[in-house]
């Protein structure tokens, strides 16, 4: 076909239908039929559901507190001389405190008895290593340097402890050994370091054994019980 000027008419190509854009898609309704914004509900786990491990951890802390109360009761009512070392250690609130036993019990309460035994082993081992090295550094700092080199001895002892734990492949005992070491070197200055170290070791034993006992006898957990 020709137009009035004698030129053939150009056939216009059919326009491709534009694909719908994501922005053209209808948005999810954010308002209710009444025009009010929809309320978004958040589903929370029921606070009343307490797991067995949580309950046993609380029970272990209660057992530690009860142990120390019974210990004081026995010492006071069994005629233990007030001049004896046992009386002084039990009745000294600064030397003996259930905090350390409760902390050991909380950390030692694992998903299985094997886990509690393994963690308790490293907890006790780290306490012994940190106490021994801390006593050596404390004696050296007190008798030789008169507490003048604490700034240098404390970091040096930490380096030695970390290297020792890595060397004998007991990295899990590193943190507790460093903690006990710093307590002896930096906190117990002027006090009785031997009694303090013995008290920390005893408190650790109490917390670990109570946690293992409760984890074993109160609803024995399922888990890997073979020692790796």
C-alpha atoms as a PDB file:
ATOM      1  CA  UNK A   1       0.000   0.000   0.000  1.00  0.00           C
ATOM      2  CA  UNK A   2       1.193   3.494  -0.830  1.00  0.00           C
ATOM      3  CA  UNK A   3       0.481   6.695   0.964  1.00  0.00           C
ATOM      4  CA  UNK A   4      -0.532   9.932  -0.669  1.00  0.00           C
ATOM      5  CA  UNK A   5       3.125  10.794  -1.459  1.00  0.00           C
ATOM      6  CA  UNK A   6       3.584   7.484  -3.294  1.00  0.00           C
ATOM      7  CA  UNK A   7       5.765   5.876  -0.634  1.00  0.00           C
ATOM      8  CA  UNK A   8       4.885   2.462   0.646  1.00  0.00           C
ATOM      9  CA  UNK A   9       3.457   2.343   4.088  1.00  0.00           C
ATOM     10  CA  UNK A  10       5.822   0.879   6.674  1.00  0.00           C
ATOM     11  CA  UNK A  11       4.285  -1.860   8.704  1.00  0.00           C
ATOM     12  CA  UNK A  12       4.853  -1.098  12.346  1.00  0.00           C
ATOM     13  CA  UNK A  13       6.166  -4.121  14.255  1.00  0.00           C
ATOM     14  CA  UNK A  14       3.959  -5.431  16.933  1.00  0.00           C
ATOM     15  CA  UNK A  15       4.962  -4.073  20.274  1.00  0.00           C
ATOM     16  CA  UNK A  16       6.167  -6.738  22.548  1.00  0.00           C
ATOM     17  CA  UNK A  17       4.167  -7.060  25.619  1.00  0.00           C
ATOM     18  CA  UNK A  18       6.202  -5.749  28.505  1.00  0.00           C
ATOM     19  CA  UNK A  19       6.878  -8.304  31.107  1.00  0.00           C
ATOM     20  CA  UNK A  20       5.405  -7.399  34.397  1.00  0.00           C
ATOM     21  CA  UNK A  21       7.919  -5.717  36.676  1.00  0.00           C
ATOM     22  CA  UNK A  22       8.398  -6.823  40.213  1.00  0.00           C
ATOM     23  CA  UNK A  23       7.405  -3.355  41.295  1.00  0.00           C
ATOM     24  CA  UNK A  24       4.147  -3.786  39.397  1.00  0.00           C
ATOM     25  CA  UNK A  25       3.339  -6.924  41.327  1.00  0.00           C
ATOM     26  CA  UNK A  26       0.701  -6.407  43.954  1.00  0.00           C
ATOM     27  CA  UNK A  27       2.335  -5.933  47.314  1.00  0.00           C
ATOM     28  CA  UNK A  28       1.396  -8.190  50.142  1.00  0.00           C
ATOM     29  CA  UNK A  29      -1.388  -6.666  52.065  1.00  0.00           C
ATOM     30  CA  UNK A  30      -0.023  -4.846  55.062  1.00  0.00           C
ATOM     31  CA  UNK A  31      -3.357  -3.488  56.199  1.00  0.00           C
ATOM     32  CA  UNK A  32      -6.499  -5.199  57.309  1.00  0.00           C
ATOM     33  CA  UNK A  33      -9.888  -4.687  55.705  1.00  0.00           C
ATOM     34  CA  UNK A  34     -10.713  -1.958  58.224  1.00  0.00           C
ATOM     35  CA  UNK A  35      -7.632  -0.003  57.125  1.00  0.00           C
ATOM     36  CA  UNK A  36      -5.700  -0.719  60.282  1.00  0.00           C
ATOM     37  CA  UNK A  37      -2.098  -2.006  60.109  1.00  0.00           C
ATOM     38  CA  UNK A  38      -1.783  -5.723  60.593  1.00  0.00           C
ATOM     39  CA  UNK A  39      -0.312  -6.845  63.896  1.00  0.00           C
ATOM     40  CA  UNK A  40       2.820  -8.937  63.605  1.00  0.00           C
ATOM     41  CA  UNK A  41       2.915 -11.639  66.211  1.00  0.00           C
ATOM     42  CA  UNK A  42       6.226 -12.873  67.637  1.00  0.00           C
ATOM     43  CA  UNK A  43       6.241 -16.464  68.784  1.00  0.00           C
ATOM     44  CA  UNK A  44       8.304 -16.903  71.931  1.00  0.00           C
ATOM     45  CA  UNK A  45       9.321 -20.150  73.528  1.00  0.00           C
ATOM     46  CA  UNK A  46       7.357 -20.726  76.704  1.00  0.00           C
ATOM     47  CA  UNK A  47       9.306 -19.476  79.661  1.00  0.00           C
ATOM     48  CA  UNK A  48       7.885 -22.221  81.799  1.00  0.00           C
ATOM     49  CA  UNK A  49       9.635 -25.031  79.900  1.00  0.00           C
ATOM     50  CA  UNK A  50      12.783 -25.730  81.922  1.00  0.00           C
ATOM     51  CA  UNK A  51      15.202 -28.313  80.567  1.00  0.00           C
ATOM     52  CA  UNK A  52      16.592 -31.106  82.675  1.00  0.00           C
ATOM     53  CA  UNK A  53      20.138 -29.771  82.468  1.00  0.00           C
ATOM     54  CA  UNK A  54      18.953 -26.355  83.664  1.00  0.00           C
ATOM     55  CA  UNK A  55      17.107 -27.899  86.592  1.00  0.00           C
ATOM     56  CA  UNK A  56      20.100 -30.035  87.548  1.00  0.00           C
ATOM     57  CA  UNK A  57      22.399 -27.030  87.386  1.00  0.00           C
ATOM     58  CA  UNK A  58      20.193 -25.197  89.857  1.00  0.00           C
ATOM     59  CA  UNK A  59      20.092 -28.297  92.026  1.00  0.00           C
ATOM     60  CA  UNK A  60      23.912 -28.503  91.964  1.00  0.00           C
ATOM     61  CA  UNK A  61      24.196 -24.884  93.120  1.00  0.00           C
ATOM     62  CA  UNK A  62      21.723 -25.604  95.925  1.00  0.00           C
ATOM     63  CA  UNK A  63      23.755 -28.671  96.940  1.00  0.00           C
ATOM     64  CA  UNK A  64      26.950 -26.563  97.111  1.00  0.00           C
ATOM     65  CA  UNK A  65      25.306 -23.934  99.297  1.00  0.00           C
ATOM     66  CA  UNK A  66      23.805 -26.614 101.532  1.00  0.00           C
ATOM     67  CA  UNK A  67      27.196 -28.330 101.860  1.00  0.00           C
ATOM     68  CA  UNK A  68      28.842 -25.173 103.179  1.00  0.00           C
ATOM     69  CA  UNK A  69      25.997 -24.487 105.572  1.00  0.00           C
ATOM     70  CA  UNK A  70      26.225 -28.034 106.943  1.00  0.00           C
ATOM     71  CA  UNK A  71      30.005 -27.696 107.167  1.00  0.00           C
ATOM     72  CA  UNK A  72      29.706 -24.582 109.325  1.00  0.00           C
ATOM     73  CA  UNK A  73      26.976 -26.209 111.421  1.00  0.00           C
ATOM     74  CA  UNK A  74      29.135 -29.272 112.136  1.00  0.00           C
ATOM     75  CA  UNK A  75      32.175 -27.188 113.057  1.00  0.00           C
ATOM     76  CA  UNK A  76      30.161 -24.971 115.395  1.00  0.00           C
ATOM     77  CA  UNK A  77      28.246 -27.767 117.147  1.00  0.00           C
ATOM     78  CA  UNK A  78      30.802 -30.578 117.255  1.00  0.00           C
ATOM     79  CA  UNK A  79      33.215 -28.903 119.630  1.00  0.00           C
ATOM     80  CA  UNK A  80      35.957 -28.098 117.130  1.00  0.00           C
ATOM     81  CA  UNK A  81      38.531 -25.838 118.885  1.00  0.00           C
ATOM     82  CA  UNK A  82      38.480 -22.286 117.594  1.00  0.00           C
ATOM     83  CA  UNK A  83      42.286 -22.303 117.478  1.00  0.00           C
ATOM     84  CA  UNK A  84      42.424 -25.199 115.017  1.00  0.00           C
ATOM     85  CA  UNK A  85      43.170 -24.739 111.343  1.00  0.00           C
ATOM     86  CA  UNK A  86      39.936 -26.465 110.322  1.00  0.00           C
ATOM     87  CA  UNK A  87      37.842 -24.051 112.368  1.00  0.00           C
ATOM     88  CA  UNK A  88      39.632 -21.021 110.960  1.00  0.00           C
ATOM     89  CA  UNK A  89      39.370 -22.185 107.352  1.00  0.00           C
ATOM     90  CA  UNK A  90      35.695 -23.122 107.619  1.00  0.00           C
ATOM     91  CA  UNK A  91      34.617 -19.986 109.464  1.00  0.00           C
ATOM     92  CA  UNK A  92      36.762 -17.574 107.443  1.00  0.00           C
ATOM     93  CA  UNK A  93      34.381 -16.114 104.859  1.00  0.00           C
ATOM     94  CA  UNK A  94      37.229 -14.683 102.803  1.00  0.00           C
ATOM     95  CA  UNK A  95      39.207 -17.935 102.735  1.00  0.00           C
ATOM     96  CA  UNK A  96      36.281 -20.272 102.158  1.00  0.00           C
ATOM     97  CA  UNK A  97      33.393 -19.101 100.042  1.00  0.00           C
ATOM     98  CA  UNK A  98      30.763 -21.210  98.241  1.00  0.00           C
ATOM     99  CA  UNK A  99      31.093 -19.018  95.139  1.00  0.00           C
ATOM    100  CA  UNK A 100      33.992 -21.070  93.750  1.00  0.00           C
ATOM    101  CA  UNK A 101      32.245 -24.380  94.358  1.00  0.00           C
ATOM    102  CA  UNK A 102      29.041 -23.103  92.748  1.00  0.00           C
ATOM    103  CA  UNK A 103      30.997 -21.854  89.753  1.00  0.00           C
ATOM    104  CA  UNK A 104      32.711 -25.234  89.343  1.00  0.00           C
ATOM    105  CA  UNK A 105      29.357 -26.999  89.611  1.00  0.00           C
ATOM    106  CA  UNK A 106      27.767 -24.769  86.947  1.00  0.00           C
ATOM    107  CA  UNK A 107      30.631 -25.284  84.513  1.00  0.00           C
ATOM    108  CA  UNK A 108      30.854 -29.028  85.184  1.00  0.00           C
ATOM    109  CA  UNK A 109      27.173 -29.699  84.500  1.00  0.00           C
ATOM    110  CA  UNK A 110      27.314 -30.978  80.912  1.00  0.00           C
ATOM    111  CA  UNK A 111      24.917 -32.827  78.608  1.00  0.00           C
ATOM    112  CA  UNK A 112      26.262 -36.235  79.649  1.00  0.00           C
ATOM    113  CA  UNK A 113      28.062 -37.750  82.605  1.00  0.00           C
ATOM    114  CA  UNK A 114      31.078 -38.304  80.385  1.00  0.00           C
ATOM    115  CA  UNK A 115      31.102 -34.585  79.562  1.00  0.00           C
ATOM    116  CA  UNK A 116      30.930 -33.715  83.255  1.00  0.00           C
ATOM    117  CA  UNK A 117      33.780 -36.090  84.067  1.00  0.00           C
ATOM    118  CA  UNK A 118      35.912 -34.691  81.266  1.00  0.00           C
ATOM    119  CA  UNK A 119      35.289 -31.067  82.159  1.00  0.00           C
ATOM    120  CA  UNK A 120      35.722 -31.741  85.878  1.00  0.00           C
ATOM    121  CA  UNK A 121      39.037 -33.432  85.199  1.00  0.00           C
ATOM    122  CA  UNK A 122      40.387 -30.395  83.340  1.00  0.00           C
ATOM    123  CA  UNK A 123      38.938 -28.086  85.980  1.00  0.00           C
ATOM    124  CA  UNK A 124      40.755 -29.857  88.802  1.00  0.00           C
ATOM    125  CA  UNK A 125      43.933 -30.287  86.770  1.00  0.00           C
ATOM    126  CA  UNK A 126      43.990 -26.601  85.842  1.00  0.00           C
ATOM    127  CA  UNK A 127      43.438 -25.618  89.465  1.00  0.00           C
ATOM    128  CA  UNK A 128      46.364 -27.751  90.621  1.00  0.00           C
ATOM    129  CA  UNK A 129      48.727 -26.435  87.931  1.00  0.00           C
ATOM    130  CA  UNK A 130      47.758 -22.814  88.509  1.00  0.00           C
ATOM    131  CA  UNK A 131      48.030 -23.191  92.287  1.00  0.00           C
ATOM    132  CA  UNK A 132      51.486 -24.813  92.168  1.00  0.00           C
ATOM    133  CA  UNK A 133      52.964 -22.266  89.771  1.00  0.00           C
ATOM    134  CA  UNK A 134      51.199 -19.422  91.570  1.00  0.00           C
ATOM    135  CA  UNK A 135      52.706 -20.489  94.914  1.00  0.00           C
ATOM    136  CA  UNK A 136      56.196 -20.638  93.396  1.00  0.00           C
ATOM    137  CA  UNK A 137      55.870 -17.169  91.886  1.00  0.00           C
ATOM    138  CA  UNK A 138      54.292 -15.797  95.066  1.00  0.00           C
ATOM    139  CA  UNK A 139      57.146 -17.077  97.216  1.00  0.00           C
ATOM    140  CA  UNK A 140      59.669 -15.692  94.742  1.00  0.00           C
ATOM    141  CA  UNK A 141      57.921 -12.349  94.575  1.00  0.00           C
ATOM    142  CA  UNK A 142      57.551 -12.103  98.356  1.00  0.00           C
ATOM    143  CA  UNK A 143      60.876 -13.370  99.657  1.00  0.00           C
ATOM    144  CA  UNK A 144      63.179 -12.165  96.889  1.00  0.00           C
ATOM    145  CA  UNK A 145      61.586  -9.096  95.335  1.00  0.00           C
ATOM    146  CA  UNK A 146      59.236  -7.913  98.163  1.00  0.00           C
ATOM    147  CA  UNK A 147      56.297  -7.613  95.729  1.00  0.00           C
ATOM    148  CA  UNK A 148      58.223  -5.185  93.507  1.00  0.00           C
ATOM    149  CA  UNK A 149      58.141  -7.296  90.332  1.00  0.00           C
ATOM    150  CA  UNK A 150      54.466  -8.258  90.207  1.00  0.00           C
ATOM    151  CA  UNK A 151      54.162  -6.226  86.998  1.00  0.00           C
ATOM    152  CA  UNK A 152      56.681  -8.537  85.308  1.00  0.00           C
ATOM    153  CA  UNK A 153      56.116 -11.842  87.105  1.00  0.00           C
ATOM    154  CA  UNK A 154      52.363 -12.036  86.464  1.00  0.00           C
ATOM    155  CA  UNK A 155      52.598 -11.850  82.630  1.00  0.00           C
ATOM    156  CA  UNK A 156      55.618 -14.174  82.668  1.00  0.00           C
ATOM    157  CA  UNK A 157      53.685 -16.768  84.658  1.00  0.00           C
ATOM    158  CA  UNK A 158      50.723 -16.562  82.270  1.00  0.00           C
ATOM    159  CA  UNK A 159      53.019 -17.180  79.301  1.00  0.00           C
ATOM    160  CA  UNK A 160      54.575 -20.182  81.049  1.00  0.00           C
ATOM    161  CA  UNK A 161      51.157 -21.627  81.910  1.00  0.00           C
ATOM    162  CA  UNK A 162      49.812 -21.307  78.376  1.00  0.00           C
ATOM    163  CA  UNK A 163      52.935 -22.848  76.885  1.00  0.00           C
ATOM    164  CA  UNK A 164      52.849 -25.678  79.439  1.00  0.00           C
ATOM    165  CA  UNK A 165      49.206 -26.505  78.739  1.00  0.00           C
ATOM    166  CA  UNK A 166      49.861 -26.476  74.997  1.00  0.00           C
ATOM    167  CA  UNK A 167      52.949 -28.639  75.412  1.00  0.00           C
ATOM    168  CA  UNK A 168      51.183 -31.400  77.340  1.00  0.00           C
ATOM    169  CA  UNK A 169      47.990 -30.990  75.241  1.00  0.00           C
ATOM    170  CA  UNK A 170      45.635 -29.913  78.024  1.00  0.00           C
ATOM    171  CA  UNK A 171      44.391 -26.685  76.438  1.00  0.00           C
ATOM    172  CA  UNK A 172      41.037 -27.080  78.176  1.00  0.00           C
ATOM    173  CA  UNK A 173      42.762 -26.439  81.524  1.00  0.00           C
ATOM    174  CA  UNK A 174      44.427 -23.212  80.383  1.00  0.00           C
ATOM    175  CA  UNK A 175      41.777 -20.720  81.486  1.00  0.00           C
ATOM    176  CA  UNK A 176      41.257 -22.085  84.987  1.00  0.00           C
ATOM    177  CA  UNK A 177      45.001 -22.480  85.583  1.00  0.00           C
ATOM    178  CA  UNK A 178      45.616 -18.849  84.573  1.00  0.00           C
ATOM    179  CA  UNK A 179      42.717 -17.717  86.782  1.00  0.00           C
ATOM    180  CA  UNK A 180      44.030 -19.489  89.882  1.00  0.00           C
ATOM    181  CA  UNK A 181      47.548 -18.259  89.160  1.00  0.00           C
ATOM    182  CA  UNK A 182      46.431 -14.613  88.985  1.00  0.00           C
ATOM    183  CA  UNK A 183      44.401 -14.978  92.170  1.00  0.00           C
ATOM    184  CA  UNK A 184      47.439 -16.210  94.062  1.00  0.00           C
ATOM    185  CA  UNK A 185      49.942 -13.766  92.613  1.00  0.00           C
ATOM    186  CA  UNK A 186      47.836 -10.599  92.595  1.00  0.00           C
ATOM    187  CA  UNK A 187      45.072 -11.039  95.188  1.00  0.00           C
ATOM    188  CA  UNK A 188      46.527 -13.080  98.043  1.00  0.00           C
ATOM    189  CA  UNK A 189      49.474 -10.829  98.749  1.00  0.00           C
ATOM    190  CA  UNK A 190      49.987 -10.533 102.497  1.00  0.00           C
ATOM    191  CA  UNK A 191      47.565 -13.387 103.289  1.00  0.00           C
ATOM    192  CA  UNK A 192      48.156 -17.130 103.712  1.00  0.00           C
ATOM    193  CA  UNK A 193      48.930 -18.420 100.193  1.00  0.00           C
ATOM    194  CA  UNK A 194      49.122 -22.102 101.167  1.00  0.00           C
ATOM    195  CA  UNK A 195      45.735 -22.088 102.896  1.00  0.00           C
ATOM    196  CA  UNK A 196      44.229 -20.088 100.054  1.00  0.00           C
ATOM    197  CA  UNK A 197      45.516 -22.509  97.405  1.00  0.00           C
ATOM    198  CA  UNK A 198      44.253 -25.480  99.439  1.00  0.00           C
ATOM    199  CA  UNK A 199      40.865 -23.794  99.875  1.00  0.00           C
ATOM    200  CA  UNK A 200      40.505 -23.135  96.122  1.00  0.00           C
ATOM    201  CA  UNK A 201      41.400 -26.731  95.329  1.00  0.00           C
ATOM    202  CA  UNK A 202      38.932 -28.042  97.902  1.00  0.00           C
ATOM    203  CA  UNK A 203      36.156 -25.764  96.611  1.00  0.00           C
ATOM    204  CA  UNK A 204      36.792 -26.984  93.080  1.00  0.00           C
ATOM    205  CA  UNK A 205      36.572 -30.619  94.229  1.00  0.00           C
ATOM    206  CA  UNK A 206      33.270 -29.934  95.992  1.00  0.00           C
ATOM    207  CA  UNK A 207      31.640 -28.280  92.977  1.00  0.00           C
ATOM    208  CA  UNK A 208      32.890 -30.850  90.466  1.00  0.00           C
ATOM    209  CA  UNK A 209      31.917 -33.927  92.478  1.00  0.00           C
ATOM    210  CA  UNK A 210      28.482 -32.580  93.373  1.00  0.00           C
ATOM    211  CA  UNK A 211      27.803 -31.747  89.719  1.00  0.00           C
ATOM    212  CA  UNK A 212      28.936 -35.187  88.549  1.00  0.00           C
ATOM    213  CA  UNK A 213      26.888 -36.924  91.242  1.00  0.00           C
ATOM    214  CA  UNK A 214      23.713 -34.997  90.440  1.00  0.00           C
ATOM    215  CA  UNK A 215      24.221 -35.448  86.704  1.00  0.00           C
ATOM    216  CA  UNK A 216      24.572 -39.204  87.207  1.00  0.00           C
ATOM    217  CA  UNK A 217      21.871 -39.963  89.750  1.00  0.00           C
ATOM    218  CA  UNK A 218      19.205 -37.398  88.787  1.00  0.00           C
ATOM    219  CA  UNK A 219      17.741 -38.497  85.444  1.00  0.00           C
ATOM    220  CA  UNK A 220      20.842 -40.104  83.978  1.00  0.00           C
ATOM    221  CA  UNK A 221      21.368 -38.333  80.608  1.00  0.00           C
ATOM    222  CA  UNK A 222      21.809 -40.098  77.329  1.00  0.00           C
ATOM    223  CA  UNK A 223      25.162 -39.407  75.755  1.00  0.00           C
ATOM    224  CA  UNK A 224      28.511 -40.794  74.840  1.00  0.00           C
ATOM    225  CA  UNK A 225      29.818 -42.449  77.951  1.00  0.00           C
ATOM    226  CA  UNK A 226      33.003 -43.947  76.551  1.00  0.00           C
ATOM    227  CA  UNK A 227      36.160 -42.073  77.288  1.00  0.00           C
ATOM    228  CA  UNK A 228      37.736 -40.750  74.112  1.00  0.00           C
END
